[in-house]
Each structure stands twice: as C-alpha cells, then as structure tokens.
Protein backbone atom coordinates (compact mmCIF):
# COMPACT_ATOMS: atom_id res chain seq x y z
CA UNK A 1 11.68 -18.35 0.59
CA UNK A 2 9.05 -17.67 -2.02
CA UNK A 3 6.65 -14.85 -1.17
CA UNK A 4 2.96 -15.72 -1.05
CA UNK A 5 -0.03 -13.49 -0.38
CA UNK A 6 -0.80 -15.43 2.79
CA UNK A 7 2.45 -14.17 4.37
CA UNK A 8 0.83 -10.91 5.56
CA UNK A 9 -2.54 -9.59 6.63
CA UNK A 10 -3.99 -6.13 6.08
CA UNK A 11 -3.99 -5.66 9.85
CA UNK A 12 -0.23 -6.34 9.95
CA UNK A 13 0.22 -3.59 7.35
CA UNK A 14 -1.45 -1.06 9.65
CA UNK A 15 -4.91 -1.07 8.10
CA UNK A 16 -7.59 -0.37 10.75
CA UNK A 17 -10.23 -2.97 11.58
CA UNK A 18 -13.08 -1.12 9.83
CA UNK A 19 -11.18 -1.19 6.53
CA UNK A 20 -9.97 -4.78 7.01
CA UNK A 21 -13.62 -5.81 7.42
CA UNK A 22 -14.61 -3.91 4.27
CA UNK A 23 -11.77 -5.55 2.32
CA UNK A 24 -12.87 -8.98 3.55
CA UNK A 25 -16.45 -8.29 2.43
CA UNK A 26 -15.09 -7.39 -1.01
CA UNK A 27 -13.23 -10.70 -1.21
CA UNK A 28 -9.79 -9.31 -0.44
CA UNK A 29 -8.65 -11.92 2.10
CA UNK A 30 -4.90 -11.22 1.95
CA UNK A 31 -2.93 -8.25 0.60
CA UNK A 32 -1.20 -8.67 -2.74
CA UNK A 33 2.51 -8.10 -3.16
CA UNK A 34 2.07 -4.51 -4.37
CA UNK A 35 -0.16 -3.81 -1.37
CA UNK A 36 2.38 -5.29 1.06
CA UNK A 37 5.09 -3.12 -0.49
CA UNK A 38 3.10 0.14 -0.72
CA UNK A 39 0.59 0.38 2.14
CA UNK A 40 3.08 0.68 5.04
CA UNK A 41 5.08 3.38 3.24
CA UNK A 42 1.96 5.30 2.28
CA UNK A 43 0.72 5.18 5.88
CA UNK A 44 4.04 6.77 6.93
CA UNK A 45 3.33 9.64 4.52
CA UNK A 46 6.04 8.67 2.06
CA UNK A 47 5.67 9.49 -1.63
CA UNK A 48 5.16 6.44 -3.82
CA UNK A 49 5.27 5.38 -7.41
CA UNK A 50 4.20 1.81 -8.02
CA UNK A 51 3.94 -0.35 -11.10
CA UNK A 52 2.39 -3.78 -11.30
CA UNK A 53 0.26 -5.86 -13.61
CA UNK A 54 -3.40 -5.16 -14.21
CA UNK A 55 -5.47 -6.81 -11.50
CA UNK A 56 -2.62 -6.86 -8.98
CA UNK A 57 -4.31 -4.60 -6.44
CA UNK A 58 -2.68 -1.24 -7.19
CA UNK A 59 -5.90 0.71 -6.68
CA UNK A 60 -6.32 -0.67 -3.16
CA UNK A 61 -2.58 -0.25 -2.48
CA UNK A 62 -2.97 3.49 -2.93
CA UNK A 63 -6.66 3.86 -2.10
CA UNK A 64 -6.64 2.20 1.31
CA UNK A 65 -4.08 4.61 2.80
CA UNK A 66 -6.02 7.52 1.26
CA UNK A 67 -9.25 6.29 2.89
CA UNK A 68 -7.48 5.90 6.23
CA UNK A 69 -6.12 9.44 5.97
CA UNK A 70 -9.50 10.85 4.91
CA UNK A 71 -11.18 9.15 7.86
CA UNK A 72 -8.97 11.24 10.15
CA UNK A 73 -9.56 14.57 8.37
CA UNK A 74 -12.06 14.52 5.49
CA UNK A 75 -11.53 18.18 4.57
CA UNK A 76 -7.87 18.29 3.53
CA UNK A 77 -6.28 17.61 0.15
CA UNK A 78 -3.80 14.80 0.56
CA UNK A 79 -3.86 12.42 -2.37
CA UNK A 80 -2.97 12.75 -6.03
CA UNK A 81 -3.58 9.82 -8.36
CA UNK A 82 -2.27 9.94 -11.89
CA UNK A 83 -1.95 7.69 -14.89
CA UNK A 84 1.23 7.64 -16.90
C-alpha cells in the first residue's frame, strides 16, 4: 500500500478539536507524513529528531504538540527547537 496524506486525520493523531479547527482554517486538511510520524510520539513525551523536505510540515509536526502541552500548563519550559 502506498501512503497518502488522506490516510490519517489530525484528530486520529490525538490533536484536540480546537487545534484541528485552527489547522483546517489554515488550509491543513490532512497531516503530512512527517506529522503522522512525529505528532503521536511527541504527545507521548518522547524525544524526537525529524528530517524532511522544506514545506513538508515539520514546523507543525513539532509545534502542534508544543501548543497542546502549553495549553495545559502555559508556565513551564517544555520545548526546545533547534536548527542543525
């Protein structure tokens, strides 16, 4: 089977409704492959390193879990983003 973006939804990845709605408003109708691979692990609190092409959705793959975490406790340090 060939993977396509339509195989998953953000909701299936564990993204809450408020963020799914925001993603939809931004034109993100289905998660990209990097998002499908990273978001569930990030939501479990696992450390991640991800590489993918420019425009593949890496920022959202790491940013969405950070926003979800910040919505629970906006006063803690919990995310480090770097560029290699």
